[in-house]
Amino acid sequence: MPEFYPFKALIPPHEGKALKGETGLKDPHAISSYQAGSAYQVENAYMDLVHKAQLPLGNMESSDPNYRKEMNQEAKTAMDEILNRNLLQPFAEEHSYILYQSTYRGLSQTGIIGLCDATQIGKHILPHEQIRQDRAATITQWLQTMQVQWTPVFLSYRHQQRLHTLQSTVIKNPCDQQFVLANHVRVSLWCISEPKQREAFHEAIASIPYLYIADGHHRAAACHGLKSSTSSEIPSLEHPLPPSPDRPMLAILMSDRDLKIYPFYRRIRNDQGPIPFWEILDKLKGIFRLKPCSLEQMFYQYLPAGHFLLVHKEACWLLQPLTKTANNSKADSPTPAYSPTPKADEISDVQWLQEHVLAPICGINDPTTDPRIDFGTMNLTLEHFKVILQEAATEFILIPRAPSPEDVFRTADRKEFMPPKSTSFEPKMPSGLVVYQA
């Protein structure tokens, strides 16, 4: 069973500007809501430094070790300034779990923040995406330089009523701290440090058979690459220290009911060589029925299984799987593109798209390295999508159906991997809001 550990968390200061009014939205799965007196804006100086310290994670493509070392040193300088200016403060005196809730645009997401042991990855913590070892190693180097973790790995699990009841009980009370971020996301935090309550959470989590990595596969692998941890604190008989993980990994646990999954679109680019779009379109007619449609009509629709949206600057089509008629078995009857066989049911739409369209028809066998394809989350407005579509480098865009949490879980249960950029989980907890200092 997965272990989940309390820890001494650090949180940023606020600007002191209180935002009055109701500061929490009703948990969609609970029977009560809470109100707090005020929320606070996160201090801009702190978030600016967090951004500077995050820069190395966005510049990992260079193979020059001196460049990476220089970037890590710049990040360390920003981190030292955060510590020297006391821009982080203890959230609680005791080792605690943190109940977290974010609300944005009517969506509410609740989770529990704590530490996992990265050595459990592949055992009781299951991934669904392959990773690049070089990228994981670069993040490990960053973690060793910074000695902090402030972007949690998102873990999910099949809904458990026992844990949900515990969360609902805590959410009935006013939160201990609340922030409003620059993008208007409201984040509420509750401290779970009382020993009996903390133990109740620990036992409930320990009874969950498997946790699943929803987001942060490379961060998780990077934590696995860290050296074993040793606590510098000295326990006493009056205040014994809780057990600690061998390779600590800051994580947030969310029920599958709190996951909002968006698909990633596949943009086929024409700036890396000619793309024979109309030839590709003819080949698609062999496995799909191409139904002309309006982008405005289909953009916000949830696609049925086996259906895809093909968007070109000049037109838009709904790709419908061909099916044999029940009473017609002639040789020229269409062959099913997405057969409802048990094997097909195990294949997600994004995987089927890669194996039957992108590889054989578009010639993109490795989407992780092929420069003719890039990805983007569908958590964007129609207007923003049209801007991307009209870019000169865009030849056409394919949009698959978003996998369900159960699709992700079953793939991980089978020890298989989805294609890269199969899922986008929103909203994500912002970096730097809850910090674990090694």
Protein backbone atom coordinates (compact mmCIF):
# COMPACT_ATOMS: atom_id res chain seq x y z
CA MET A 1 0.00 0.00 0.00
CA PRO A 2 1.28 3.53 -0.72
CA GLU A 3 2.63 5.54 2.19
CA PHE A 4 1.84 9.23 2.50
CA TYR A 5 3.76 11.32 5.00
CA PRO A 6 3.05 14.62 6.79
CA PHE A 7 5.75 17.28 6.64
CA LYS A 8 6.62 20.79 7.78
CA ALA A 9 5.42 22.97 4.94
CA LEU A 10 6.47 26.50 4.05
CA ILE A 11 4.14 28.99 2.40
CA PRO A 12 4.71 32.47 0.91
CA PRO A 13 3.70 35.73 2.55
CA HIS A 14 0.89 37.88 1.25
CA GLU A 15 0.71 41.54 0.34
CA GLY A 16 -1.61 42.28 3.22
CA LYS A 17 -4.42 43.28 0.90
CA ALA A 18 -7.48 41.44 2.12
CA LEU A 19 -10.22 40.49 -0.32
CA LYS A 20 -13.49 40.45 1.58
CA GLY A 21 -16.45 38.20 1.01
CA GLU A 22 -17.06 34.50 0.59
CA THR A 23 -13.70 32.85 -0.02
CA GLY A 24 -14.63 29.26 -0.66
CA LEU A 25 -16.85 27.48 -3.12
CA LYS A 26 -18.96 24.53 -2.16
CA ASP A 27 -17.19 21.22 -2.57
CA PRO A 28 -19.18 19.58 -5.42
CA HIS A 29 -19.15 16.25 -3.56
CA ALA A 30 -19.78 17.55 -0.03
CA ILE A 31 -22.95 18.67 1.67
CA SER A 32 -21.57 21.85 3.18
CA SER A 33 -19.45 24.84 2.31
CA TYR A 34 -17.38 27.26 4.34
CA GLN A 35 -16.81 30.97 4.54
CA ALA A 36 -13.69 32.73 5.68
CA GLY A 37 -13.26 36.37 6.53
CA SER A 38 -10.74 37.30 3.87
CA ALA A 39 -8.26 36.10 1.30
CA TYR A 40 -4.87 37.57 0.47
CA GLN A 41 -2.97 38.20 -2.70
CA VAL A 42 0.39 36.45 -2.96
CA GLU A 43 3.27 38.93 -2.78
CA ASN A 44 4.43 39.75 -6.30
CA ALA A 45 8.10 39.93 -5.29
CA TYR A 46 7.96 36.31 -4.18
CA MET A 47 6.26 35.04 -7.33
CA ASP A 48 8.79 36.93 -9.46
CA LEU A 49 11.62 35.10 -7.71
CA VAL A 50 9.82 31.78 -8.08
CA HIS A 51 9.63 32.46 -11.81
CA LYS A 52 13.37 33.15 -11.94
CA ALA A 53 14.10 29.97 -10.04
CA GLN A 54 11.90 27.97 -12.42
CA LEU A 55 13.74 29.06 -15.54
CA PRO A 56 16.13 26.09 -15.72
CA LEU A 57 13.18 23.73 -16.03
CA GLY A 58 12.14 25.53 -19.18
CA ASN A 59 15.61 25.45 -20.75
CA MET A 60 16.47 21.76 -20.66
CA GLU A 61 17.15 21.20 -24.34
CA SER A 62 20.77 22.35 -24.21
CA SER A 63 23.30 19.53 -23.98
CA ASP A 64 25.97 21.91 -22.69
CA PRO A 65 26.60 20.96 -19.03
CA ASN A 66 28.18 24.35 -18.35
CA TYR A 67 25.00 26.10 -19.54
CA ARG A 68 22.84 23.92 -17.29
CA LYS A 69 25.19 24.54 -14.38
CA GLU A 70 24.98 28.30 -14.96
CA MET A 71 21.18 28.19 -15.11
CA ASN A 72 21.01 26.15 -11.91
CA GLN A 73 23.28 28.66 -10.20
CA GLU A 74 20.99 31.53 -11.27
CA ALA A 75 18.06 29.60 -9.84
CA LYS A 76 19.96 29.03 -6.60
CA THR A 77 20.67 32.75 -6.37
CA ALA A 78 16.93 33.47 -6.62
CA MET A 79 16.22 30.80 -4.00
CA ASP A 80 18.82 32.27 -1.63
CA GLU A 81 17.15 35.68 -1.99
CA ILE A 82 13.79 34.12 -1.09
CA LEU A 83 15.28 32.63 2.07
CA ASN A 84 17.36 35.68 3.01
CA ARG A 85 14.32 37.95 2.71
CA ASN A 86 12.20 35.54 4.76
CA LEU A 87 9.73 35.19 1.92
CA LEU A 88 8.73 31.73 3.16
CA GLN A 89 7.14 31.05 6.50
CA PRO A 90 6.11 27.87 8.33
CA PHE A 91 2.52 26.86 7.77
CA ALA A 92 2.41 24.90 11.04
CA GLU A 93 4.79 23.98 13.83
CA GLU A 94 4.03 20.27 13.58
CA HIS A 95 4.37 17.79 10.74
CA SER A 96 1.08 18.14 8.92
CA TYR A 97 -0.94 17.20 5.92
CA ILE A 98 -2.47 20.10 4.03
CA LEU A 99 -5.95 20.04 2.58
CA TYR A 100 -5.96 22.13 -0.55
CA GLN A 101 -8.82 23.54 -2.59
CA SER A 102 -8.59 25.72 -5.69
CA THR A 103 -11.52 27.42 -7.34
CA TYR A 104 -11.54 29.04 -10.75
CA ARG A 105 -14.27 29.72 -13.29
CA GLY A 106 -16.74 27.70 -11.27
CA LEU A 107 -14.47 24.65 -11.06
CA SER A 108 -13.41 23.36 -7.66
CA GLN A 109 -10.55 20.94 -7.07
CA THR A 110 -9.71 19.43 -3.69
CA GLY A 111 -6.61 17.47 -2.73
CA ILE A 112 -4.29 16.49 0.11
CA ILE A 113 -0.66 17.62 0.11
CA GLY A 114 2.08 15.53 1.70
CA LEU A 115 5.16 13.50 0.88
CA CYS A 116 5.37 10.21 -0.97
CA ASP A 117 8.37 7.93 -1.32
CA ALA A 118 9.56 8.01 -4.92
CA THR A 119 10.90 4.46 -4.57
CA GLN A 120 7.24 3.33 -4.74
CA ILE A 121 6.94 4.40 -8.39
CA GLY A 122 6.12 1.33 -10.43
CA LYS A 123 4.95 -0.52 -7.31
CA HIS A 124 2.09 1.34 -5.62
CA ILE A 125 2.48 4.60 -7.57
CA LEU A 126 1.79 3.85 -11.22
CA PRO A 127 2.77 6.01 -14.24
CA HIS A 128 0.96 6.16 -17.58
CA GLU A 129 3.57 8.04 -19.61
CA GLN A 130 7.13 7.26 -20.59
CA ILE A 131 9.79 9.76 -19.60
CA ARG A 132 12.99 11.10 -21.08
CA GLN A 133 15.82 10.07 -18.79
CA ASP A 134 17.89 13.12 -19.72
CA ARG A 135 15.08 15.44 -18.70
CA ALA A 136 14.52 13.63 -15.40
CA ALA A 137 18.26 13.80 -14.68
CA THR A 138 18.25 17.56 -15.33
CA ILE A 139 15.39 18.06 -12.88
CA THR A 140 17.21 15.88 -10.32
CA GLN A 141 20.21 18.18 -10.64
CA TRP A 142 17.96 21.20 -10.13
CA LEU A 143 16.39 19.63 -7.01
CA GLN A 144 19.79 18.84 -5.55
CA THR A 145 20.93 22.42 -6.18
CA MET A 146 17.81 24.06 -4.77
CA GLN A 147 17.10 21.67 -1.87
CA VAL A 148 13.40 22.47 -2.19
CA GLN A 149 10.36 21.04 -3.92
CA TRP A 150 7.57 23.46 -4.73
CA THR A 151 5.78 21.92 -7.72
CA PRO A 152 3.96 18.82 -6.47
CA VAL A 153 3.49 15.66 -8.44
CA PHE A 154 -0.25 15.21 -9.04
CA LEU A 155 -1.46 11.77 -7.97
CA SER A 156 -4.99 10.44 -8.34
CA TYR A 157 -6.94 7.45 -7.11
CA ARG A 158 -10.28 5.79 -7.55
CA HIS A 159 -12.76 7.62 -5.32
CA GLN A 160 -12.78 6.43 -1.72
CA GLN A 161 -15.70 7.43 0.45
CA ARG A 162 -13.75 7.17 3.70
CA LEU A 163 -11.19 9.74 2.60
CA HIS A 164 -13.85 11.92 1.04
CA THR A 165 -15.76 12.05 4.33
CA LEU A 166 -12.64 13.15 6.18
CA GLN A 167 -12.04 15.92 3.64
CA SER A 168 -15.65 17.12 3.85
CA THR A 169 -15.40 17.33 7.63
CA VAL A 170 -12.35 19.59 7.40
CA ILE A 171 -13.82 21.80 4.66
CA LYS A 172 -16.78 22.65 6.92
CA ASN A 173 -14.39 24.76 8.98
CA PRO A 174 -12.82 28.09 7.97
CA CYS A 175 -9.55 27.60 6.15
CA ASP A 176 -6.24 28.43 7.81
CA GLN A 177 -4.88 30.39 4.88
CA GLN A 178 -6.21 31.56 1.56
CA PHE A 179 -4.58 33.21 -1.45
CA VAL A 180 -5.82 34.79 -4.64
CA LEU A 181 -3.32 34.47 -7.46
CA ALA A 182 -2.70 36.87 -10.32
CA ASN A 183 -4.83 34.70 -12.65
CA HIS A 184 -7.74 34.96 -10.16
CA VAL A 185 -7.40 31.35 -8.97
CA ARG A 186 -8.43 31.19 -5.32
CA VAL A 187 -6.48 28.69 -3.22
CA SER A 188 -7.53 27.66 0.30
CA LEU A 189 -5.38 25.65 2.72
CA TRP A 190 -6.31 23.75 5.87
CA CYS A 191 -3.70 22.38 8.26
CA ILE A 192 -4.20 18.76 9.37
CA SER A 193 -1.82 18.46 12.33
CA GLU A 194 -3.96 17.23 15.22
CA PRO A 195 -2.60 13.70 15.88
CA LYS A 196 -5.88 11.76 15.77
CA GLN A 197 -7.10 13.56 12.66
CA ARG A 198 -3.72 13.17 10.98
CA GLU A 199 -3.70 9.46 11.75
CA ALA A 200 -7.22 9.08 10.36
CA PHE A 201 -6.05 10.58 7.06
CA HIS A 202 -2.94 8.41 7.09
CA GLU A 203 -4.97 5.21 7.57
CA ALA A 204 -7.49 6.15 4.88
CA ILE A 205 -4.75 6.85 2.34
CA ALA A 206 -2.88 3.68 3.29
CA SER A 207 -5.97 1.63 2.41
CA ILE A 208 -5.91 2.85 -1.22
CA PRO A 209 -4.34 0.07 -3.31
CA TYR A 210 -2.71 2.26 -5.96
CA LEU A 211 -2.00 5.89 -6.66
CA TYR A 212 -1.70 7.05 -10.27
CA ILE A 213 0.54 9.81 -11.59
CA ALA A 214 -1.77 12.29 -13.27
CA ASP A 215 0.79 15.02 -13.92
CA GLY A 216 4.50 15.31 -13.19
CA HIS A 217 6.05 12.09 -14.50
CA HIS A 218 9.46 13.71 -14.95
CA ARG A 219 9.36 15.35 -11.51
CA ALA A 220 8.50 11.97 -10.00
CA ALA A 221 11.39 10.27 -11.78
CA ALA A 222 13.68 13.10 -10.72
CA CYS A 223 12.78 12.54 -7.06
CA HIS A 224 13.54 8.85 -7.53
CA GLY A 225 17.04 9.92 -8.59
CA LEU A 226 17.67 11.85 -5.38
CA LYS A 227 19.90 10.46 -2.66
CA SER A 228 18.23 8.91 0.36
CA SER A 229 17.01 11.51 2.79
CA THR A 230 18.15 11.83 6.36
CA SER A 231 16.32 14.03 8.81
CA SER A 232 18.39 16.67 10.58
CA GLU A 233 15.79 16.95 13.34
CA ILE A 234 16.40 15.25 16.67
CA PRO A 235 13.37 13.34 17.97
CA SER A 236 12.35 13.38 21.61
CA LEU A 237 10.19 11.13 23.74
CA GLU A 238 7.61 13.90 24.07
CA HIS A 239 7.53 14.68 20.33
CA PRO A 240 8.62 11.65 18.29
CA LEU A 241 9.07 12.38 14.60
CA PRO A 242 6.69 10.73 12.13
CA PRO A 243 8.25 8.25 9.71
CA SER A 244 9.89 9.90 6.70
CA PRO A 245 10.21 8.72 3.10
CA ASP A 246 13.51 7.40 1.76
CA ARG A 247 13.31 9.60 -1.36
CA PRO A 248 10.76 12.33 -0.57
CA MET A 249 8.46 13.54 -3.32
CA LEU A 250 6.09 16.45 -2.74
CA ALA A 251 2.70 15.28 -3.96
CA ILE A 252 -0.96 16.19 -3.97
CA LEU A 253 -3.60 13.44 -3.92
CA MET A 254 -6.87 14.01 -5.77
CA SER A 255 -9.85 11.73 -6.22
CA ASP A 256 -10.73 10.88 -9.82
CA ARG A 257 -13.91 12.87 -9.22
CA ASP A 258 -11.83 16.01 -8.85
CA LEU A 259 -9.95 15.53 -12.11
CA LYS A 260 -10.85 17.61 -15.12
CA ILE A 261 -9.02 16.14 -18.11
CA TYR A 262 -8.55 18.09 -21.31
CA PRO A 263 -7.18 16.52 -24.49
CA PHE A 264 -4.04 17.73 -26.24
CA TYR A 265 -4.48 18.73 -29.85
CA ARG A 266 -1.96 17.47 -32.41
CA ARG A 267 -0.76 20.26 -34.67
CA ILE A 268 0.91 19.14 -37.90
CA ARG A 269 3.45 21.74 -38.98
CA ASN A 270 4.48 22.61 -42.53
CA ASP A 271 7.65 24.57 -41.72
CA GLN A 272 9.76 21.40 -41.47
CA GLY A 273 9.00 20.26 -45.00
CA PRO A 274 5.96 19.96 -47.26
CA ILE A 275 2.86 18.24 -45.85
CA PRO A 276 0.60 16.68 -48.54
CA PHE A 277 -2.63 17.53 -46.76
CA TRP A 278 -5.04 16.60 -49.55
CA GLU A 279 -3.30 13.24 -50.03
CA ILE A 280 -3.60 12.63 -46.29
CA LEU A 281 -7.26 13.56 -46.48
CA ASP A 282 -7.85 10.95 -49.20
CA LYS A 283 -6.18 8.27 -47.07
CA LEU A 284 -8.32 9.20 -44.09
CA LYS A 285 -11.41 8.47 -46.17
CA GLY A 286 -10.36 4.82 -46.10
CA ILE A 287 -10.88 4.56 -42.34
CA PHE A 288 -13.26 7.41 -41.53
CA ARG A 289 -16.43 9.00 -42.76
CA LEU A 290 -15.52 12.67 -43.12
CA LYS A 291 -18.48 14.79 -42.07
CA PRO A 292 -18.10 18.53 -42.75
CA CYS A 293 -18.93 20.57 -39.68
CA SER A 294 -18.53 23.99 -38.12
CA LEU A 295 -15.56 24.57 -35.84
CA GLU A 296 -17.70 26.90 -33.75
CA GLN A 297 -20.29 24.14 -33.37
CA MET A 298 -17.88 21.34 -32.46
CA PHE A 299 -15.13 23.09 -30.51
CA TYR A 300 -16.74 22.75 -27.07
CA GLN A 301 -18.41 19.40 -27.75
CA TYR A 302 -17.27 16.22 -25.99
CA LEU A 303 -16.41 13.84 -28.81
CA PRO A 304 -17.81 10.29 -28.83
CA ALA A 305 -15.39 7.38 -28.55
CA GLY A 306 -13.41 6.82 -31.74
CA HIS A 307 -14.29 10.22 -33.19
CA PHE A 308 -11.78 12.97 -33.97
CA LEU A 309 -11.94 16.56 -35.15
CA LEU A 310 -9.82 17.50 -38.18
CA VAL A 311 -9.35 21.25 -38.53
CA HIS A 312 -7.81 22.97 -41.55
CA LYS A 313 -7.69 26.66 -42.40
CA GLU A 314 -10.23 26.07 -45.16
CA ALA A 315 -12.59 23.54 -43.56
CA CYS A 316 -13.39 21.36 -40.55
CA TRP A 317 -14.47 17.71 -40.48
CA LEU A 318 -15.74 15.32 -37.85
CA LEU A 319 -13.97 11.99 -38.41
CA GLN A 320 -16.51 9.25 -37.78
CA PRO A 321 -15.43 5.59 -37.64
CA LEU A 322 -16.69 3.46 -40.51
CA THR A 323 -18.92 0.54 -39.51
CA LYS A 324 -20.28 -2.49 -41.30
CA THR A 325 -24.02 -2.62 -41.72
CA ALA A 326 -25.69 -5.34 -39.68
CA ASN A 327 -27.20 -7.11 -42.71
CA ASN A 328 -24.47 -6.52 -45.26
CA SER A 329 -21.23 -8.47 -45.34
CA LYS A 330 -20.18 -7.73 -48.93
CA ALA A 331 -16.50 -7.46 -49.65
CA ASP A 332 -16.77 -3.77 -50.45
CA SER A 333 -18.41 -2.97 -47.12
CA PRO A 334 -16.37 -0.49 -45.10
CA THR A 335 -13.91 -1.90 -42.58
CA PRO A 336 -14.46 -0.67 -39.02
CA ALA A 337 -11.91 1.94 -38.05
CA TYR A 338 -12.58 1.58 -34.34
CA SER A 339 -13.85 -1.90 -33.70
CA PRO A 340 -15.69 -2.44 -30.40
CA THR A 341 -13.66 -5.54 -29.62
CA PRO A 342 -12.22 -6.08 -26.12
CA LYS A 343 -8.76 -5.22 -27.42
CA ALA A 344 -9.97 -1.97 -28.98
CA ASP A 345 -11.72 -1.03 -25.76
CA GLU A 346 -8.33 -1.14 -24.04
CA ILE A 347 -6.81 1.37 -26.47
CA SER A 348 -7.37 5.05 -25.78
CA ASP A 349 -8.33 7.33 -28.63
CA VAL A 350 -4.98 9.14 -28.49
CA GLN A 351 -3.13 5.84 -28.76
CA TRP A 352 -5.34 4.69 -31.65
CA LEU A 353 -4.74 8.02 -33.39
CA GLN A 354 -0.98 7.57 -33.10
CA GLU A 355 -0.98 3.94 -34.29
CA HIS A 356 -3.47 4.25 -37.16
CA VAL A 357 -3.20 7.85 -38.37
CA LEU A 358 -0.12 9.76 -37.29
CA ALA A 359 2.36 6.94 -37.88
CA PRO A 360 1.09 5.16 -41.05
CA ILE A 361 -0.62 8.08 -42.80
CA CYS A 362 1.31 11.15 -41.65
CA GLY A 363 4.65 9.37 -41.25
CA ILE A 364 5.14 10.61 -37.67
CA ASN A 365 6.42 7.53 -35.86
CA ASP A 366 7.98 9.24 -32.85
CA PRO A 367 5.95 12.27 -31.77
CA THR A 368 8.45 13.09 -29.02
CA THR A 369 11.22 13.95 -31.48
CA ASP A 370 9.54 14.62 -34.84
CA PRO A 371 9.62 18.40 -35.49
CA ARG A 372 6.56 18.16 -37.75
CA ILE A 373 4.22 17.80 -34.77
CA ASP A 374 3.61 19.76 -31.61
CA PHE A 375 0.94 19.72 -28.94
CA GLY A 376 -1.25 22.01 -26.92
CA THR A 377 -3.91 21.62 -24.28
CA MET A 378 -7.52 22.16 -25.29
CA ASN A 379 -8.03 24.20 -22.14
CA LEU A 380 -8.17 27.36 -24.24
CA THR A 381 -10.75 29.58 -25.85
CA LEU A 382 -12.01 29.20 -29.38
CA GLU A 383 -10.48 32.57 -30.22
CA HIS A 384 -7.06 31.44 -29.03
CA PHE A 385 -7.38 28.19 -30.98
CA LYS A 386 -8.16 30.13 -34.16
CA VAL A 387 -5.01 32.19 -33.72
CA ILE A 388 -2.95 28.96 -33.59
CA LEU A 389 -4.84 27.56 -36.58
CA GLN A 390 -4.08 30.63 -38.71
CA GLU A 391 -0.37 30.61 -38.00
CA ALA A 392 1.69 30.11 -41.13
CA ALA A 393 3.37 27.00 -39.69
CA THR A 394 0.04 25.23 -39.09
CA GLU A 395 -0.99 22.77 -41.82
CA PHE A 396 -3.83 21.10 -39.91
CA ILE A 397 -4.83 20.10 -36.38
CA LEU A 398 -6.23 16.82 -35.06
CA ILE A 399 -8.25 16.84 -31.84
CA PRO A 400 -8.91 13.55 -30.02
CA ARG A 401 -11.41 12.85 -27.27
CA ALA A 402 -10.11 13.44 -23.76
CA PRO A 403 -9.35 10.20 -21.91
CA SER A 404 -11.35 9.55 -18.76
CA PRO A 405 -9.57 9.03 -15.44
CA GLU A 406 -10.49 5.35 -15.68
CA ASP A 407 -8.84 5.17 -19.13
CA VAL A 408 -5.65 6.47 -17.53
CA PHE A 409 -5.89 4.12 -14.55
CA ARG A 410 -6.46 1.03 -16.68
CA THR A 411 -3.50 1.86 -18.88
CA ALA A 412 -1.29 2.17 -15.80
CA ASP A 413 -2.73 -1.03 -14.28
CA ARG A 414 -1.63 -2.91 -17.41
CA LYS A 415 1.89 -1.44 -17.02
CA GLU A 416 1.41 0.27 -20.38
CA PHE A 417 1.99 3.84 -21.49
CA MET A 418 -0.14 6.35 -23.32
CA PRO A 419 1.41 8.39 -26.14
CA PRO A 420 3.07 11.65 -25.05
CA LYS A 421 0.76 14.55 -24.35
CA SER A 422 -2.33 12.39 -23.91
CA THR A 423 -3.80 14.24 -20.93
CA SER A 424 -3.90 17.71 -19.49
CA PHE A 425 -5.20 18.03 -15.94
CA GLU A 426 -6.63 21.36 -14.87
CA PRO A 427 -6.47 23.42 -12.77
CA LYS A 428 -2.94 22.74 -11.55
CA MET A 429 -1.62 23.86 -8.21
CA PRO A 430 0.78 26.76 -8.86
CA SER A 431 4.47 26.32 -8.15
CA GLY A 432 5.77 27.91 -4.96
CA LEU A 433 2.53 27.99 -3.03
CA VAL A 434 3.39 25.06 -0.75
CA VAL A 435 7.09 24.30 -0.32
CA TYR A 436 8.99 21.32 1.06
CA GLN A 437 12.54 22.16 2.10
CA ALA A 438 14.83 19.11 2.21
